Amino acid sequence: MKTVKSPDLKAPRFRKTWISYLDNELLDKVKEKEPKASELTYNELRVILSTYNEAMWRHVIESRDGVELPQRLGHMFIATCPSPKRKNIDIPQSIKLGVAVEHKNWETDGHLGKVIYTNYDNKYLLKNGELWSFKTGRVFKRAVSASYPQNWTIYKKIEKNKLITAQIKSYIKKDIVINRSNDIPDDYNEFQLD
């Protein structure tokens, strides 16, 4: 058994510097582009953007197919993945017991839920598209973590060592075939040639 020590909460921390694009300069650009927004305040702009983003990630959690991001930025969805080969340690439980305790994901048969962003497909032709990345926000991560154990079977299953876009295309083709088979009328007879 591997022992686990609680972290030193008073130790120095590395704080990553970050740039916020949500500032007065963006507000001025919005007002310049859209005359109806001339009376918009900075706080109202923040509320509008956060409401839009929350509606988008809630739709990602509730739907199997995910979301096509606006302006052809890519596709985002939740996928069911096999558990990793490395050990997944439950830190709070390990600190409480003093011994390393692994997550086994018993309620999801050992599968993990991952938020996947891809812009690899041809319809998402972005300049320097390979440089784009997506980092999930804390609220989104926690919402996925809370809802995944109950709904893990509805999400697409992604296999290791295969291109995600190829797997997405195969799911789309299956959905098209299923939808076409539902369009057959009840009085259809394949042997009647009239």
C-alpha atoms as a PDB file:
ATOM      1  CA  MET A   1       0.000   0.000   0.000  1.00  0.00           C
ATOM      2  CA  LYS A   2       1.300   3.398  -0.976  1.00  0.00           C
ATOM      3  CA  THR A   3       0.971   6.070   1.695  1.00  0.00           C
ATOM      4  CA  VAL A   4      -0.391   9.493   0.827  1.00  0.00           C
ATOM      5  CA  LYS A   5       0.477  12.718   2.627  1.00  0.00           C
ATOM      6  CA  SER A   6      -1.838  15.697   2.741  1.00  0.00           C
ATOM      7  CA  PRO A   7      -0.530  18.664   0.723  1.00  0.00           C
ATOM      8  CA  ASP A   8       1.053  21.683   2.385  1.00  0.00           C
ATOM      9  CA  LEU A   9      -1.629  24.349   1.991  1.00  0.00           C
ATOM     10  CA  LYS A  10       0.774  27.130   3.003  1.00  0.00           C
ATOM     11  CA  ALA A  11       3.406  26.271   0.383  1.00  0.00           C
ATOM     12  CA  PRO A  12       4.096  28.785  -2.408  1.00  0.00           C
ATOM     13  CA  ARG A  13       1.948  28.352  -5.497  1.00  0.00           C
ATOM     14  CA  PHE A  14       2.572  29.006  -9.167  1.00  0.00           C
ATOM     15  CA  ARG A  15      -0.084  31.329 -10.560  1.00  0.00           C
ATOM     16  CA  LYS A  16      -0.417  31.300 -14.305  1.00  0.00           C
ATOM     17  CA  THR A  17      -1.035  34.727 -15.794  1.00  0.00           C
ATOM     18  CA  TRP A  18      -3.962  34.951 -18.149  1.00  0.00           C
ATOM     19  CA  ILE A  19      -5.491  37.537 -20.428  1.00  0.00           C
ATOM     20  CA  SER A  20      -9.187  38.318 -20.418  1.00  0.00           C
ATOM     21  CA  TYR A  21     -10.648  39.294 -23.762  1.00  0.00           C
ATOM     22  CA  LEU A  22     -13.828  40.394 -22.069  1.00  0.00           C
ATOM     23  CA  ASP A  23     -12.980  44.034 -21.416  1.00  0.00           C
ATOM     24  CA  ASN A  24     -14.085  47.545 -22.319  1.00  0.00           C
ATOM     25  CA  GLU A  25     -12.313  47.319 -25.665  1.00  0.00           C
ATOM     26  CA  LEU A  26     -14.548  44.379 -26.648  1.00  0.00           C
ATOM     27  CA  LEU A  27     -17.584  46.309 -25.414  1.00  0.00           C
ATOM     28  CA  ASP A  28     -16.611  49.265 -27.643  1.00  0.00           C
ATOM     29  CA  LYS A  29     -16.265  46.924 -30.664  1.00  0.00           C
ATOM     30  CA  VAL A  30     -19.708  45.430 -29.975  1.00  0.00           C
ATOM     31  CA  LYS A  31     -21.265  48.882 -29.700  1.00  0.00           C
ATOM     32  CA  GLU A  32     -19.558  49.986 -32.916  1.00  0.00           C
ATOM     33  CA  LYS A  33     -20.689  46.902 -34.853  1.00  0.00           C
ATOM     34  CA  GLU A  34     -24.260  46.756 -33.507  1.00  0.00           C
ATOM     35  CA  PRO A  35     -26.042  50.117 -33.055  1.00  0.00           C
ATOM     36  CA  LYS A  36     -28.803  48.521 -30.956  1.00  0.00           C
ATOM     37  CA  ALA A  37     -26.198  47.750 -28.274  1.00  0.00           C
ATOM     38  CA  SER A  38     -25.225  51.405 -27.760  1.00  0.00           C
ATOM     39  CA  GLU A  39     -26.608  51.428 -24.200  1.00  0.00           C
ATOM     40  CA  LEU A  40     -25.105  48.056 -23.246  1.00  0.00           C
ATOM     41  CA  THR A  41     -22.957  48.044 -20.111  1.00  0.00           C
ATOM     42  CA  TYR A  42     -19.949  45.881 -19.323  1.00  0.00           C
ATOM     43  CA  ASN A  43     -21.863  43.839 -16.709  1.00  0.00           C
ATOM     44  CA  GLU A  44     -24.760  43.225 -19.126  1.00  0.00           C
ATOM     45  CA  LEU A  45     -22.285  41.983 -21.757  1.00  0.00           C
ATOM     46  CA  ARG A  46     -20.779  39.581 -19.199  1.00  0.00           C
ATOM     47  CA  VAL A  47     -24.244  38.273 -18.291  1.00  0.00           C
ATOM     48  CA  ILE A  48     -25.160  37.778 -21.979  1.00  0.00           C
ATOM     49  CA  LEU A  49     -21.964  35.865 -22.748  1.00  0.00           C
ATOM     50  CA  SER A  50     -22.080  33.707 -19.625  1.00  0.00           C
ATOM     51  CA  THR A  51     -25.759  32.855 -20.244  1.00  0.00           C
ATOM     52  CA  TYR A  52     -24.999  31.891 -23.841  1.00  0.00           C
ATOM     53  CA  ASN A  53     -22.020  29.754 -22.814  1.00  0.00           C
ATOM     54  CA  GLU A  54     -24.017  28.041 -20.065  1.00  0.00           C
ATOM     55  CA  ALA A  55     -26.841  27.227 -22.483  1.00  0.00           C
ATOM     56  CA  MET A  56     -24.282  25.770 -24.895  1.00  0.00           C
ATOM     57  CA  TRP A  57     -22.553  23.508 -22.371  1.00  0.00           C
ATOM     58  CA  ARG A  58     -25.888  22.377 -20.929  1.00  0.00           C
ATOM     59  CA  HIS A  59     -26.903  21.303 -24.445  1.00  0.00           C
ATOM     60  CA  VAL A  60     -23.600  19.413 -24.789  1.00  0.00           C
ATOM     61  CA  ILE A  61     -24.391  17.495 -21.584  1.00  0.00           C
ATOM     62  CA  GLU A  62     -27.997  16.727 -22.538  1.00  0.00           C
ATOM     63  CA  SER A  63     -27.470  15.691 -26.170  1.00  0.00           C
ATOM     64  CA  ARG A  64     -25.611  12.749 -27.578  1.00  0.00           C
ATOM     65  CA  ASP A  65     -24.341  14.569 -30.652  1.00  0.00           C
ATOM     66  CA  GLY A  66     -22.939  17.597 -28.867  1.00  0.00           C
ATOM     67  CA  VAL A  67     -22.762  21.069 -30.381  1.00  0.00           C
ATOM     68  CA  GLU A  68     -21.462  22.539 -33.603  1.00  0.00           C
ATOM     69  CA  LEU A  69     -19.765  25.715 -32.413  1.00  0.00           C
ATOM     70  CA  PRO A  70     -20.676  28.966 -34.179  1.00  0.00           C
ATOM     71  CA  GLN A  71     -18.509  30.508 -36.900  1.00  0.00           C
ATOM     72  CA  ARG A  72     -17.297  27.005 -37.865  1.00  0.00           C
ATOM     73  CA  LEU A  73     -14.968  26.834 -34.868  1.00  0.00           C
ATOM     74  CA  GLY A  74     -15.419  23.094 -34.406  1.00  0.00           C
ATOM     75  CA  HIS A  75     -17.463  20.405 -32.733  1.00  0.00           C
ATOM     76  CA  MET A  76     -17.760  19.678 -29.014  1.00  0.00           C
ATOM     77  CA  PHE A  77     -19.334  16.619 -27.381  1.00  0.00           C
ATOM     78  CA  ILE A  78     -19.023  14.249 -24.458  1.00  0.00           C
ATOM     79  CA  ALA A  79     -17.594  10.821 -25.163  1.00  0.00           C
ATOM     80  CA  THR A  80     -17.408   7.564 -23.249  1.00  0.00           C
ATOM     81  CA  CYS A  81     -13.824   6.326 -23.157  1.00  0.00           C
ATOM     82  CA  PRO A  82     -12.226   3.195 -21.742  1.00  0.00           C
ATOM     83  CA  SER A  83     -10.466   3.597 -18.412  1.00  0.00           C
ATOM     84  CA  PRO A  84      -6.777   4.532 -18.584  1.00  0.00           C
ATOM     85  CA  LYS A  85      -4.016   2.049 -17.852  1.00  0.00           C
ATOM     86  CA  ARG A  86      -2.485   4.314 -15.213  1.00  0.00           C
ATOM     87  CA  LYS A  87      -3.953   4.446 -11.735  1.00  0.00           C
ATOM     88  CA  ASN A  88      -6.616   7.093 -11.118  1.00  0.00           C
ATOM     89  CA  ILE A  89      -6.149   8.140  -7.492  1.00  0.00           C
ATOM     90  CA  ASP A  90      -9.030   9.533  -5.429  1.00  0.00           C
ATOM     91  CA  ILE A  91      -7.126  12.343  -3.703  1.00  0.00           C
ATOM     92  CA  PRO A  92      -9.654  13.435  -1.019  1.00  0.00           C
ATOM     93  CA  GLN A  93     -10.362   9.845   0.046  1.00  0.00           C
ATOM     94  CA  SER A  94      -6.639   8.999  -0.009  1.00  0.00           C
ATOM     95  CA  ILE A  95      -5.779  11.980   2.222  1.00  0.00           C
ATOM     96  CA  LYS A  96      -8.542  11.020   4.636  1.00  0.00           C
ATOM     97  CA  LEU A  97      -7.357   7.386   4.895  1.00  0.00           C
ATOM     98  CA  GLY A  98      -3.603   8.019   4.475  1.00  0.00           C
ATOM     99  CA  VAL A  99      -3.401   5.291   1.807  1.00  0.00           C
ATOM    100  CA  ALA A 100      -3.737   5.579  -1.978  1.00  0.00           C
ATOM    101  CA  VAL A 101      -7.313   4.759  -3.019  1.00  0.00           C
ATOM    102  CA  GLU A 102      -8.144   4.272  -6.687  1.00  0.00           C
ATOM    103  CA  HIS A 103     -11.239   5.387  -8.563  1.00  0.00           C
ATOM    104  CA  LYS A 104     -12.746   2.324 -10.193  1.00  0.00           C
ATOM    105  CA  ASN A 105     -15.822   3.971 -11.773  1.00  0.00           C
ATOM    106  CA  TRP A 106     -18.070   1.053 -10.809  1.00  0.00           C
ATOM    107  CA  GLU A 107     -21.274   2.929 -11.691  1.00  0.00           C
ATOM    108  CA  THR A 108     -20.072   3.399 -15.300  1.00  0.00           C
ATOM    109  CA  ASP A 109     -18.544  -0.061 -15.778  1.00  0.00           C
ATOM    110  CA  GLY A 110     -15.052   1.423 -15.624  1.00  0.00           C
ATOM    111  CA  HIS A 111     -15.637   3.992 -18.389  1.00  0.00           C
ATOM    112  CA  LEU A 112     -14.672   7.659 -18.239  1.00  0.00           C
ATOM    113  CA  GLY A 113     -16.501  10.680 -19.594  1.00  0.00           C
ATOM    114  CA  LYS A 114     -14.449  13.211 -21.535  1.00  0.00           C
ATOM    115  CA  VAL A 115     -15.366  16.536 -23.092  1.00  0.00           C
ATOM    116  CA  ILE A 116     -13.950  16.436 -26.603  1.00  0.00           C
ATOM    117  CA  TYR A 117     -13.363  19.413 -28.870  1.00  0.00           C
ATOM    118  CA  THR A 118     -12.331  18.793 -32.459  1.00  0.00           C
ATOM    119  CA  ASN A 119     -11.797  21.039 -35.453  1.00  0.00           C
ATOM    120  CA  TYR A 120     -10.049  18.422 -37.582  1.00  0.00           C
ATOM    121  CA  ASP A 121     -12.852  17.887 -40.104  1.00  0.00           C
ATOM    122  CA  ASN A 122     -12.809  19.571 -43.538  1.00  0.00           C
ATOM    123  CA  LYS A 123     -15.771  21.797 -42.771  1.00  0.00           C
ATOM    124  CA  TYR A 124     -13.818  23.505 -39.984  1.00  0.00           C
ATOM    125  CA  LEU A 125     -11.100  25.028 -42.137  1.00  0.00           C
ATOM    126  CA  LEU A 126      -9.434  27.529 -39.847  1.00  0.00           C
ATOM    127  CA  LYS A 127      -6.237  29.387 -40.415  1.00  0.00           C
ATOM    128  CA  ASN A 128      -3.722  27.686 -38.108  1.00  0.00           C
ATOM    129  CA  GLY A 129      -6.486  25.331 -36.937  1.00  0.00           C
ATOM    130  CA  GLU A 130      -3.987  22.920 -35.395  1.00  0.00           C
ATOM    131  CA  LEU A 131      -3.027  25.632 -32.895  1.00  0.00           C
ATOM    132  CA  TRP A 132      -6.560  26.006 -31.507  1.00  0.00           C
ATOM    133  CA  SER A 133      -7.271  24.329 -28.205  1.00  0.00           C
ATOM    134  CA  PHE A 134     -10.145  24.097 -25.788  1.00  0.00           C
ATOM    135  CA  LYS A 135      -9.957  24.180 -22.026  1.00  0.00           C
ATOM    136  CA  THR A 136     -13.051  23.172 -20.103  1.00  0.00           C
ATOM    137  CA  GLY A 137     -14.205  25.581 -17.404  1.00  0.00           C
ATOM    138  CA  ARG A 138     -14.617  24.476 -13.810  1.00  0.00           C
ATOM    139  CA  VAL A 139     -18.415  24.751 -13.748  1.00  0.00           C
ATOM    140  CA  PHE A 140     -18.718  22.759 -17.004  1.00  0.00           C
ATOM    141  CA  LYS A 141     -16.345  20.047 -15.726  1.00  0.00           C
ATOM    142  CA  ARG A 142     -18.248  19.658 -12.490  1.00  0.00           C
ATOM    143  CA  ALA A 143     -21.607  19.496 -14.288  1.00  0.00           C
ATOM    144  CA  VAL A 144     -20.283  16.756 -16.593  1.00  0.00           C
ATOM    145  CA  SER A 145     -18.850  14.903 -13.602  1.00  0.00           C
ATOM    146  CA  ALA A 146     -22.192  15.045 -11.784  1.00  0.00           C
ATOM    147  CA  SER A 147     -24.372  13.995 -14.728  1.00  0.00           C
ATOM    148  CA  TYR A 148     -22.102  11.425 -16.414  1.00  0.00           C
ATOM    149  CA  PRO A 149     -22.670   8.466 -14.025  1.00  0.00           C
ATOM    150  CA  GLN A 150     -26.457   8.611 -14.617  1.00  0.00           C
ATOM    151  CA  ASN A 151     -26.328   9.115 -18.409  1.00  0.00           C
ATOM    152  CA  TRP A 152     -23.071   7.489 -19.481  1.00  0.00           C
ATOM    153  CA  THR A 153     -24.730   5.051 -21.898  1.00  0.00           C
ATOM    154  CA  ILE A 154     -26.210   7.776 -24.134  1.00  0.00           C
ATOM    155  CA  TYR A 155     -22.833   9.247 -25.134  1.00  0.00           C
ATOM    156  CA  LYS A 156     -20.776   8.097 -28.091  1.00  0.00           C
ATOM    157  CA  LYS A 157     -18.137   5.523 -27.298  1.00  0.00           C
ATOM    158  CA  ILE A 158     -14.672   6.468 -28.503  1.00  0.00           C
ATOM    159  CA  GLU A 159     -12.032   3.808 -29.066  1.00  0.00           C
ATOM    160  CA  LYS A 160      -8.340   4.229 -28.382  1.00  0.00           C
ATOM    161  CA  ASN A 161      -5.833   4.871 -31.191  1.00  0.00           C
ATOM    162  CA  LYS A 162      -8.433   5.865 -33.798  1.00  0.00           C
ATOM    163  CA  LEU A 163      -9.113   9.286 -35.263  1.00  0.00           C
ATOM    164  CA  ILE A 164     -12.026  10.946 -33.522  1.00  0.00           C
ATOM    165  CA  THR A 165     -13.372  12.457 -36.747  1.00  0.00           C
ATOM    166  CA  ALA A 166     -13.534   9.034 -38.417  1.00  0.00           C
ATOM    167  CA  GLN A 167     -15.478   7.689 -35.448  1.00  0.00           C
ATOM    168  CA  ILE A 168     -17.851  10.681 -35.529  1.00  0.00           C
ATOM    169  CA  LYS A 169     -18.497  10.145 -39.264  1.00  0.00           C
ATOM    170  CA  SER A 170     -19.335   6.484 -38.660  1.00  0.00           C
ATOM    171  CA  TYR A 171     -21.858   7.510 -35.960  1.00  0.00           C
ATOM    172  CA  ILE A 172     -23.400  10.056 -38.346  1.00  0.00           C
ATOM    173  CA  LYS A 173     -23.750   7.408 -41.078  1.00  0.00           C
ATOM    174  CA  LYS A 174     -25.440   5.016 -38.631  1.00  0.00           C
ATOM    175  CA  ASP A 175     -27.867   7.756 -37.562  1.00  0.00           C
ATOM    176  CA  ILE A 176     -28.745   8.513 -41.204  1.00  0.00           C
ATOM    177  CA  VAL A 177     -29.454   4.826 -41.918  1.00  0.00           C
ATOM    178  CA  ILE A 178     -31.634   4.534 -38.801  1.00  0.00           C
ATOM    179  CA  ASN A 179     -33.567   7.698 -39.690  1.00  0.00           C
ATOM    180  CA  ARG A 180     -34.141   6.510 -43.277  1.00  0.00           C
ATOM    181  CA  SER A 181     -35.457   3.160 -42.075  1.00  0.00           C
ATOM    182  CA  ASN A 182     -38.058   5.002 -39.956  1.00  0.00           C
ATOM    183  CA  ASP A 183     -39.398   6.836 -43.042  1.00  0.00           C
ATOM    184  CA  ILE A 184     -40.865   3.675 -44.646  1.00  0.00           C
ATOM    185  CA  PRO A 185     -44.684   3.901 -44.876  1.00  0.00           C
ATOM    186  CA  ASP A 186     -46.783   1.240 -43.115  1.00  0.00           C
ATOM    187  CA  ASP A 187     -48.528   0.138 -46.331  1.00  0.00           C
ATOM    188  CA  TYR A 188     -45.245  -0.390 -48.222  1.00  0.00           C
ATOM    189  CA  ASN A 189     -44.872  -3.754 -49.962  1.00  0.00           C
ATOM    190  CA  GLU A 190     -41.494  -4.418 -51.569  1.00  0.00           C
ATOM    191  CA  PHE A 191     -42.972  -7.157 -53.821  1.00  0.00           C
ATOM    192  CA  GLN A 192     -45.611  -4.920 -55.349  1.00  0.00           C
ATOM    193  CA  LEU A 193     -44.164  -3.210 -58.417  1.00  0.00           C
ATOM    194  CA  ASP A 194     -47.152  -0.992 -59.350  1.00  0.00           C
END
